[in-house]
């Protein structure tokens, strides 16, 4: 069993995502010891994963070392660890580095890809929730372009050059747009034996519109942008199966493809040990208005793994970064107040707006009652995401990459660093 450094309460945070990092920062001057656990030693800026997957930027530029974020925070400690079980009866965590004691526990583990129980889709499609998975997509995409260039089998070439994105939310829309731009600006330059017309891009969405969480104006405009970019869109349909070769949609459509990227849903990452009655649909922990997990006094959950269920908010808050950031800030105040015996404050979410980029000079933005589409929305999207990156060096690198990509309509990041082997899917994502 580990020993606490001081007699002051220890707050253990599981997860170095937006919520976990924000909470730890805001506890800087609190009378607590902060211990952050994560299986990676870096924080990932997930909104730009699709650009890593399509070679627009390098993976390192959206990751930032957790230790460096907190190198001046004296009450903070980080351990590289994988949590195996939460033991709420003893206020301890079992991890691969040993048992860890807590006074207050905050679960900020985020979410992972949701395949809705379909093991075949889980095995055969490509997720994109972390840097390793984004690099896998980049390798597979580039490898299949190389294979298409040399194969003499037309059916095989067509399948290698057919890309299907499942999910019409911001991630799916942005990934589809980026792949279409790769086709428009890169394919013929890098692969002279291939033509733009050889490459097909499909977007499959279960709802009747794209970007369903945004305004009707944004949804309609995004669909027009994508259609103008020669992307075939299927709405109000669902993928039934995909065996690595043939994708079947429930309207009877079949698509021969070697590339299926899954962006259709997320599921909260709840560590083992939490009672079943606390876990809701979608793998989210039910919490009260101060993000305290149902049935506990000293266990909290924030971000994508949390569902704040109230009469005014029966479905919980959306799984976006702003919710996690605001919950982290609010919870830091409430934990401090609990320790000092002061009243707590219910969490209130302030919706700062939603944005999605479809491609060069094309984006949609909903900011309260304001609606923007096109070039201005694209500039706004770039500014917000650039300023949200951790670290000056990452901001500078991404800005430089964006500037070069915009001026040259090209990129230097299309490298196959690790060869992706499709027969090793469902294994260690780094090894595969």
Protein backbone atom coordinates (compact mmCIF):
# COMPACT_ATOMS: atom_id res chain seq x y z
CA UNK A 1 0.00 0.00 0.00
CA UNK A 2 1.31 3.46 -0.85
CA UNK A 3 1.70 6.16 1.76
CA UNK A 4 0.34 9.66 1.57
CA UNK A 5 2.89 12.45 1.64
CA UNK A 6 0.99 14.49 4.21
CA UNK A 7 -1.90 14.22 6.59
CA UNK A 8 -4.06 16.34 4.27
CA UNK A 9 -6.80 14.61 2.23
CA UNK A 10 -5.77 12.89 -0.97
CA UNK A 11 -7.81 13.43 -4.15
CA UNK A 12 -7.12 10.68 -6.68
CA UNK A 13 -8.13 11.45 -10.27
CA UNK A 14 -8.36 8.61 -12.80
CA UNK A 15 -7.86 9.99 -16.31
CA UNK A 16 -5.76 12.76 -17.84
CA UNK A 17 -8.34 14.02 -20.30
CA UNK A 18 -9.97 17.46 -20.37
CA UNK A 19 -11.91 16.99 -17.14
CA UNK A 20 -9.17 15.33 -15.11
CA UNK A 21 -6.49 17.86 -16.07
CA UNK A 22 -8.80 20.82 -15.45
CA UNK A 23 -9.79 19.50 -12.02
CA UNK A 24 -6.16 18.94 -11.00
CA UNK A 25 -5.24 22.47 -12.11
CA UNK A 26 -8.08 24.06 -10.15
CA UNK A 27 -7.06 22.17 -6.99
CA UNK A 28 -3.65 23.87 -7.07
CA UNK A 29 -4.30 26.00 -3.98
CA UNK A 30 -6.67 23.61 -2.22
CA UNK A 31 -5.67 21.91 1.07
CA UNK A 32 -5.33 18.52 -0.65
CA UNK A 33 -2.80 16.16 -2.17
CA UNK A 34 -3.63 15.57 -5.84
CA UNK A 35 -2.69 12.26 -7.48
CA UNK A 36 -3.50 11.82 -11.19
CA UNK A 37 -3.42 8.34 -12.75
CA UNK A 38 -3.44 7.62 -16.47
CA UNK A 39 -2.26 4.77 -18.71
CA UNK A 40 -0.60 7.37 -20.96
CA UNK A 41 1.89 10.00 -19.83
CA UNK A 42 0.33 12.65 -22.06
CA UNK A 43 -2.89 14.57 -22.53
CA UNK A 44 -4.54 14.18 -25.94
CA UNK A 45 -6.37 16.93 -27.79
CA UNK A 46 -8.98 14.63 -29.32
CA UNK A 47 -10.75 17.13 -31.63
CA UNK A 48 -7.77 17.00 -34.00
CA UNK A 49 -7.37 13.22 -34.14
CA UNK A 50 -8.95 13.14 -37.60
CA UNK A 51 -6.14 15.37 -38.91
CA UNK A 52 -3.56 12.93 -37.55
CA UNK A 53 -5.47 10.08 -39.21
CA UNK A 54 -5.34 11.80 -42.62
CA UNK A 55 -1.74 13.01 -42.40
CA UNK A 56 -2.46 16.72 -42.05
CA UNK A 57 -0.54 16.97 -38.77
CA UNK A 58 1.72 14.67 -36.78
CA UNK A 59 0.49 12.74 -33.75
CA UNK A 60 3.00 14.36 -31.38
CA UNK A 61 1.52 17.79 -32.01
CA UNK A 62 -1.80 17.00 -30.30
CA UNK A 63 -0.27 15.26 -27.27
CA UNK A 64 1.34 17.07 -24.35
CA UNK A 65 3.24 15.54 -21.38
CA UNK A 66 1.08 15.54 -18.25
CA UNK A 67 4.08 16.06 -15.98
CA UNK A 68 5.02 19.20 -17.90
CA UNK A 69 1.52 20.67 -17.47
CA UNK A 70 1.93 20.44 -13.69
CA UNK A 71 5.68 20.90 -13.21
CA UNK A 72 5.10 23.95 -10.99
CA UNK A 73 2.17 22.59 -8.96
CA UNK A 74 3.56 21.49 -5.62
CA UNK A 75 0.54 19.49 -4.41
CA UNK A 76 0.40 17.39 -7.61
CA UNK A 77 1.77 13.92 -8.37
CA UNK A 78 1.36 11.84 -11.53
CA UNK A 79 1.67 8.06 -11.83
CA UNK A 80 1.69 6.15 -15.11
CA UNK A 81 -0.75 3.40 -14.18
CA UNK A 82 -3.59 1.28 -15.48
CA UNK A 83 -6.45 1.02 -13.03
CA UNK A 84 -7.69 -2.54 -12.63
CA UNK A 85 -10.37 -2.15 -9.95
CA UNK A 86 -11.91 0.37 -7.61
CA UNK A 87 -12.43 -0.92 -4.07
CA UNK A 88 -15.02 1.44 -2.63
CA UNK A 89 -15.31 -0.53 0.61
CA UNK A 90 -11.69 0.20 1.51
CA UNK A 91 -11.25 3.51 -0.34
CA UNK A 92 -8.48 2.03 -2.45
CA UNK A 93 -7.66 1.50 -6.12
CA UNK A 94 -5.99 -1.63 -7.43
CA UNK A 95 -3.63 -0.73 -10.26
CA UNK A 96 -0.75 -2.39 -12.10
CA UNK A 97 1.63 -0.41 -9.89
CA UNK A 98 0.00 -1.57 -6.63
CA UNK A 99 -2.81 -0.45 -4.36
CA UNK A 100 -3.50 3.28 -4.00
CA UNK A 101 -5.48 4.84 -1.16
CA UNK A 102 -7.80 7.79 -1.64
CA UNK A 103 -9.90 10.11 0.50
CA UNK A 104 -11.75 11.47 -2.51
CA UNK A 105 -11.92 9.69 -5.85
CA UNK A 106 -12.76 11.33 -9.17
CA UNK A 107 -13.40 9.10 -12.18
CA UNK A 108 -12.56 11.05 -15.34
CA UNK A 109 -11.85 8.12 -17.65
CA UNK A 110 -13.74 9.49 -20.64
CA UNK A 111 -15.34 7.31 -23.27
CA UNK A 112 -14.35 4.71 -25.80
CA UNK A 113 -15.84 3.56 -29.10
CA UNK A 114 -19.31 2.04 -28.84
CA UNK A 115 -20.08 -0.83 -31.22
CA UNK A 116 -23.44 -1.51 -29.59
CA UNK A 117 -22.51 -5.12 -28.87
CA UNK A 118 -21.57 -6.05 -32.46
CA UNK A 119 -18.32 -8.01 -32.11
CA UNK A 120 -17.81 -8.33 -35.87
CA UNK A 121 -17.83 -4.56 -36.30
CA UNK A 122 -15.57 -4.19 -33.29
CA UNK A 123 -13.09 -6.57 -34.88
CA UNK A 124 -13.20 -5.35 -38.49
CA UNK A 125 -13.65 -1.56 -38.36
CA UNK A 126 -11.20 1.15 -37.35
CA UNK A 127 -11.93 3.31 -34.28
CA UNK A 128 -10.38 6.71 -33.62
CA UNK A 129 -10.41 7.64 -29.93
CA UNK A 130 -6.68 8.09 -29.26
CA UNK A 131 -3.42 8.91 -31.04
CA UNK A 132 -2.46 5.26 -31.56
CA UNK A 133 -5.78 4.55 -33.29
CA UNK A 134 -5.49 7.67 -35.45
CA UNK A 135 -2.00 6.56 -36.54
CA UNK A 136 -3.43 3.12 -37.33
CA UNK A 137 -5.96 4.73 -39.66
CA UNK A 138 -3.22 6.77 -41.31
CA UNK A 139 -1.11 3.66 -41.91
CA UNK A 140 -4.04 1.62 -43.24
CA UNK A 141 -5.18 4.44 -45.53
CA UNK A 142 -1.72 4.94 -47.02
CA UNK A 143 -0.99 1.22 -47.27
CA UNK A 144 -4.19 0.63 -49.19
CA UNK A 145 -3.40 3.44 -51.61
CA UNK A 146 -0.02 1.82 -52.23
CA UNK A 147 -1.67 -1.57 -52.79
CA UNK A 148 -4.25 -0.07 -55.14
CA UNK A 149 -1.47 1.37 -57.27
CA UNK A 150 0.13 -2.01 -57.98
CA UNK A 151 -2.72 -4.53 -58.00
CA UNK A 152 -3.98 -5.89 -61.33
CA UNK A 153 -7.30 -6.97 -59.83
CA UNK A 154 -9.84 -4.21 -60.56
CA UNK A 155 -12.32 -5.40 -57.91
CA UNK A 156 -9.56 -5.43 -55.31
CA UNK A 157 -8.39 -1.97 -56.37
CA UNK A 158 -11.92 -0.60 -56.14
CA UNK A 159 -12.29 -2.03 -52.62
CA UNK A 160 -8.92 -0.57 -51.57
CA UNK A 161 -10.00 2.85 -52.85
CA UNK A 162 -13.43 2.80 -51.19
CA UNK A 163 -13.68 4.54 -47.83
CA UNK A 164 -16.70 4.30 -45.55
CA UNK A 165 -17.13 6.49 -42.48
CA UNK A 166 -19.87 5.36 -40.10
CA UNK A 167 -21.31 8.16 -37.99
CA UNK A 168 -22.54 11.61 -39.01
CA UNK A 169 -21.51 13.57 -35.93
CA UNK A 170 -18.61 16.06 -35.91
CA UNK A 171 -15.95 13.32 -35.96
CA UNK A 172 -17.48 11.46 -38.90
CA UNK A 173 -18.20 14.61 -40.89
CA UNK A 174 -14.70 15.99 -40.35
CA UNK A 175 -13.02 12.69 -41.21
CA UNK A 176 -15.11 12.28 -44.38
CA UNK A 177 -14.25 15.81 -45.48
CA UNK A 178 -10.54 15.30 -44.84
CA UNK A 179 -10.43 12.05 -46.84
CA UNK A 180 -12.29 13.73 -49.70
CA UNK A 181 -9.73 16.55 -49.74
CA UNK A 182 -6.92 14.01 -49.78
CA UNK A 183 -8.57 12.58 -52.88
CA UNK A 184 -8.91 16.02 -54.50
CA UNK A 185 -5.48 17.48 -53.74
CA UNK A 186 -3.13 14.54 -53.11
CA UNK A 187 -4.17 11.35 -54.90
CA UNK A 188 -3.09 12.17 -58.44
CA UNK A 189 0.10 13.94 -57.27
CA UNK A 190 1.39 11.12 -55.07
CA UNK A 191 -0.11 8.21 -57.02
CA UNK A 192 -0.01 9.09 -60.74
CA UNK A 193 -1.51 5.75 -61.70
CA UNK A 194 -4.72 6.53 -59.82
CA UNK A 195 -7.48 8.98 -60.67
CA UNK A 196 -9.77 10.95 -58.39
CA UNK A 197 -12.76 9.15 -59.86
CA UNK A 198 -11.29 5.83 -58.72
CA UNK A 199 -11.63 6.76 -55.03
CA UNK A 200 -15.07 6.62 -53.40
CA UNK A 201 -16.05 8.12 -50.05
CA UNK A 202 -19.26 7.16 -48.22
CA UNK A 203 -20.76 8.55 -45.02
CA UNK A 204 -23.34 6.43 -43.19
CA UNK A 205 -25.53 7.99 -40.48
CA UNK A 206 -28.40 6.44 -38.54
CA UNK A 207 -30.28 9.70 -38.01
CA UNK A 208 -32.19 11.58 -40.69
CA UNK A 209 -29.69 14.45 -40.64
CA UNK A 210 -25.98 15.01 -40.13
CA UNK A 211 -24.67 16.88 -37.06
CA UNK A 212 -27.95 16.18 -35.29
CA UNK A 213 -26.84 18.04 -32.14
CA UNK A 214 -26.36 21.27 -34.10
CA UNK A 215 -28.86 23.65 -35.67
CA UNK A 216 -30.85 22.70 -38.78
CA UNK A 217 -28.91 25.38 -40.70
CA UNK A 218 -25.59 23.76 -39.78
CA UNK A 219 -26.86 20.29 -40.63
CA UNK A 220 -28.18 21.31 -44.04
CA UNK A 221 -25.07 23.29 -44.93
CA UNK A 222 -22.71 20.51 -43.82
CA UNK A 223 -24.57 18.03 -45.99
CA UNK A 224 -24.35 20.38 -48.97
CA UNK A 225 -20.60 20.88 -48.42
CA UNK A 226 -20.04 17.11 -48.31
CA UNK A 227 -22.26 16.40 -51.30
CA UNK A 228 -20.42 19.05 -53.32
CA UNK A 229 -17.19 17.25 -52.38
CA UNK A 230 -18.57 14.10 -54.06
CA UNK A 231 -19.23 12.20 -50.84
CA UNK A 232 -22.15 9.76 -50.98
CA UNK A 233 -24.31 10.13 -47.86
CA UNK A 234 -26.70 7.55 -46.43
CA UNK A 235 -29.13 8.86 -43.80
CA UNK A 236 -31.60 6.94 -41.60
CA UNK A 237 -29.73 3.65 -42.11
CA UNK A 238 -27.55 1.41 -39.97
CA UNK A 239 -24.63 -0.88 -40.68
CA UNK A 240 -25.64 -4.49 -40.20
CA UNK A 241 -22.29 -6.19 -40.72
CA UNK A 242 -18.78 -5.85 -42.06
CA UNK A 243 -16.45 -8.82 -42.43
CA UNK A 244 -13.43 -6.89 -43.64
CA UNK A 245 -14.55 -7.07 -47.28
CA UNK A 246 -18.30 -6.48 -47.62
CA UNK A 247 -20.23 -3.89 -45.64
CA UNK A 248 -23.99 -4.40 -45.42
CA UNK A 249 -26.47 -1.61 -44.65
CA UNK A 250 -29.99 -2.35 -43.44
CA UNK A 251 -31.56 -0.74 -46.52
CA UNK A 252 -30.11 -3.53 -48.65
CA UNK A 253 -27.02 -1.66 -49.84
CA UNK A 254 -23.71 -3.54 -49.92
CA UNK A 255 -20.32 -1.90 -50.34
CA UNK A 256 -17.08 -3.67 -51.15
CA UNK A 257 -14.39 -1.90 -49.14
CA UNK A 258 -11.17 -2.42 -47.24
CA UNK A 259 -11.59 0.77 -45.23
CA UNK A 260 -14.36 1.26 -42.67
CA UNK A 261 -13.83 3.91 -40.00
CA UNK A 262 -16.19 3.81 -37.01
CA UNK A 263 -17.37 7.12 -35.52
CA UNK A 264 -20.93 6.11 -34.70
CA UNK A 265 -21.01 6.24 -30.93
CA UNK A 266 -19.20 6.33 -27.62
CA UNK A 267 -19.48 4.45 -24.36
CA UNK A 268 -18.19 5.55 -20.98
CA UNK A 269 -15.08 3.81 -19.66
CA UNK A 270 -16.17 2.72 -16.17
CA UNK A 271 -13.42 0.96 -14.18
CA UNK A 272 -14.23 -2.40 -12.62
CA UNK A 273 -15.54 -2.31 -9.09
CA UNK A 274 -18.30 0.24 -9.45
CA UNK A 275 -21.75 -1.18 -8.52
CA UNK A 276 -23.97 -2.06 -11.47
CA UNK A 277 -26.78 0.16 -10.21
CA UNK A 278 -24.58 3.23 -10.66
CA UNK A 279 -23.89 2.51 -14.36
CA UNK A 280 -26.48 3.82 -16.79
CA UNK A 281 -27.09 3.21 -20.49
CA UNK A 282 -24.05 4.11 -22.52
CA UNK A 283 -21.64 3.19 -19.73
CA UNK A 284 -22.07 6.44 -17.81
CA UNK A 285 -22.03 6.76 -14.03
CA UNK A 286 -25.13 8.40 -12.60
CA UNK A 287 -24.18 11.41 -10.50
CA UNK A 288 -25.98 14.10 -8.54
CA UNK A 289 -25.81 17.84 -9.19
CA UNK A 290 -22.27 18.13 -7.80
CA UNK A 291 -21.03 15.13 -9.84
CA UNK A 292 -21.03 12.75 -6.88
CA UNK A 293 -21.71 9.16 -7.92
CA UNK A 294 -25.06 7.82 -6.76
CA UNK A 295 -24.75 6.05 -3.39
CA UNK A 296 -21.34 7.48 -2.44
CA UNK A 297 -20.09 10.45 -0.45
CA UNK A 298 -16.48 10.57 -1.65
CA UNK A 299 -16.61 9.19 -5.22
CA UNK A 300 -17.22 11.55 -8.13
CA UNK A 301 -17.36 11.31 -11.95
CA UNK A 302 -16.90 14.04 -14.56
CA UNK A 303 -16.78 14.28 -18.34
CA UNK A 304 -17.96 11.62 -20.78
CA UNK A 305 -18.18 8.95 -18.08
CA UNK A 306 -20.60 11.05 -16.02
CA UNK A 307 -24.36 11.47 -16.36
CA UNK A 308 -25.78 14.30 -14.26
CA UNK A 309 -29.41 13.26 -14.13
CA UNK A 310 -31.90 15.83 -12.83
CA UNK A 311 -35.51 16.76 -13.57
CA UNK A 312 -34.29 19.61 -15.74
CA UNK A 313 -31.66 17.42 -17.40
CA UNK A 314 -33.07 13.87 -17.68
CA UNK A 315 -30.57 12.66 -20.32
CA UNK A 316 -27.38 14.16 -18.90
CA UNK A 317 -25.09 16.63 -20.60
CA UNK A 318 -23.53 16.10 -24.06
CA UNK A 319 -20.18 14.34 -24.29
CA UNK A 320 -18.11 17.36 -25.34
CA UNK A 321 -14.91 18.87 -24.00
CA UNK A 322 -16.60 21.99 -22.61
CA UNK A 323 -18.77 19.91 -20.28
CA UNK A 324 -15.71 18.11 -18.88
CA UNK A 325 -13.77 21.38 -18.46
CA UNK A 326 -16.62 23.12 -16.67
CA UNK A 327 -17.32 20.11 -14.46
CA UNK A 328 -13.65 19.91 -13.50
CA UNK A 329 -13.64 23.56 -12.47
CA UNK A 330 -16.89 23.27 -10.52
CA UNK A 331 -15.89 20.05 -8.76
CA UNK A 332 -12.60 21.55 -7.58
CA UNK A 333 -14.57 24.23 -5.75
CA UNK A 334 -17.01 21.71 -4.32
CA UNK A 335 -14.34 19.31 -3.03
CA UNK A 336 -12.60 22.26 -1.37
CA UNK A 337 -15.91 23.34 0.20
CA UNK A 338 -16.67 19.80 1.41
CA UNK A 339 -13.28 19.61 3.14
CA UNK A 340 -13.83 23.03 4.74
CA UNK A 341 -17.40 22.18 5.74
CA UNK A 342 -18.93 24.78 3.44
CA UNK A 343 -22.01 24.40 1.19
CA UNK A 344 -21.54 23.00 -2.30
CA UNK A 345 -22.75 24.53 -5.55
CA UNK A 346 -24.74 22.53 -8.16
CA UNK A 347 -23.06 22.23 -11.56
CA UNK A 348 -24.57 24.38 -14.29
CA UNK A 349 -23.44 23.90 -17.86
CA UNK A 350 -22.88 26.96 -20.03
CA UNK A 351 -23.14 26.02 -23.68
CA UNK A 352 -20.43 27.98 -25.49
CA UNK A 353 -21.43 26.65 -28.90
CA UNK A 354 -20.60 23.84 -31.30
CA UNK A 355 -18.43 23.81 -34.42
CA UNK A 356 -17.41 21.35 -37.11
CA UNK A 357 -15.10 21.76 -40.09
CA UNK A 358 -15.81 19.99 -43.37
CA UNK A 359 -12.74 21.02 -45.30
CA UNK A 360 -10.78 23.89 -46.79
CA UNK A 361 -12.71 27.13 -46.17
CA UNK A 362 -15.75 25.08 -45.13
CA UNK A 363 -17.12 24.84 -41.59
CA UNK A 364 -20.29 25.34 -39.57
CA UNK A 365 -20.59 27.03 -36.18
CA UNK A 366 -23.47 27.49 -33.76
CA UNK A 367 -22.66 30.10 -31.10
CA UNK A 368 -25.74 30.65 -28.97
CA UNK A 369 -28.20 32.35 -31.35
CA UNK A 370 -25.54 33.10 -33.95
CA UNK A 371 -25.11 30.74 -36.90
CA UNK A 372 -22.11 30.80 -39.21
CA UNK A 373 -21.29 28.66 -42.23
CA UNK A 374 -18.43 28.78 -44.68
CA UNK A 375 -15.14 30.69 -44.58
CA UNK A 376 -15.73 32.72 -41.40
CA UNK A 377 -16.85 29.63 -39.50
CA UNK A 378 -13.71 27.86 -40.75
CA UNK A 379 -11.46 30.67 -39.47
CA UNK A 380 -13.29 30.64 -36.15
CA UNK A 381 -12.94 26.85 -35.87
CA UNK A 382 -9.18 27.06 -36.51
CA UNK A 383 -8.67 29.85 -33.97
CA UNK A 384 -10.62 28.11 -31.19
CA UNK A 385 -8.90 24.77 -31.70
CA UNK A 386 -5.45 26.28 -32.01
CA UNK A 387 -5.84 28.25 -28.78
CA UNK A 388 -7.19 25.16 -27.00
CA UNK A 389 -4.07 23.07 -27.66
CA UNK A 390 -1.80 22.49 -24.67
CA UNK A 391 1.67 24.04 -24.90
CA UNK A 392 3.11 26.84 -27.03
CA UNK A 393 5.19 24.40 -29.10
CA UNK A 394 2.11 22.41 -30.11
CA UNK A 395 0.27 25.60 -31.07
CA UNK A 396 3.23 26.72 -33.18
CA UNK A 397 3.71 23.33 -34.87
CA UNK A 398 0.04 22.93 -35.73
CA UNK A 399 -0.24 26.51 -37.00
CA UNK A 400 2.86 26.03 -39.17
CA UNK A 401 1.48 22.75 -40.54
CA UNK A 402 -1.88 24.34 -41.28
CA UNK A 403 -0.23 27.28 -43.06
CA UNK A 404 1.95 25.01 -45.23
CA UNK A 405 -0.97 22.70 -45.99
CA UNK A 406 -3.18 25.62 -46.97
CA UNK A 407 -0.62 27.29 -49.22
CA UNK A 408 0.65 24.13 -50.92
CA UNK A 409 -2.48 21.96 -50.67
CA UNK A 410 -0.11 19.26 -49.50
CA UNK A 411 1.38 17.76 -46.34
CA UNK A 412 4.65 16.20 -45.22
CA UNK A 413 3.09 13.90 -42.61
CA UNK A 414 1.91 11.01 -44.77
CA UNK A 415 4.38 8.51 -43.33
CA UNK A 416 3.84 4.81 -42.68
CA UNK A 417 5.82 4.56 -39.44
CA UNK A 418 4.35 1.27 -38.26
CA UNK A 419 2.90 -1.11 -40.83
CA UNK A 420 -0.71 -1.83 -39.87
CA UNK A 421 -1.56 -5.52 -40.06
CA UNK A 422 -5.26 -6.15 -40.50
CA UNK A 423 -4.91 -9.71 -39.24
CA UNK A 424 -3.86 -8.39 -35.83
CA UNK A 425 -6.94 -6.26 -35.20
CA UNK A 426 -8.30 -6.40 -31.65
CA UNK A 427 -4.80 -6.70 -30.22
CA UNK A 428 -2.56 -4.11 -28.62
CA UNK A 429 -3.28 -0.92 -30.67
CA UNK A 430 0.36 0.13 -30.58
CA UNK A 431 1.64 -3.23 -31.78
CA UNK A 432 -0.96 -3.57 -34.51
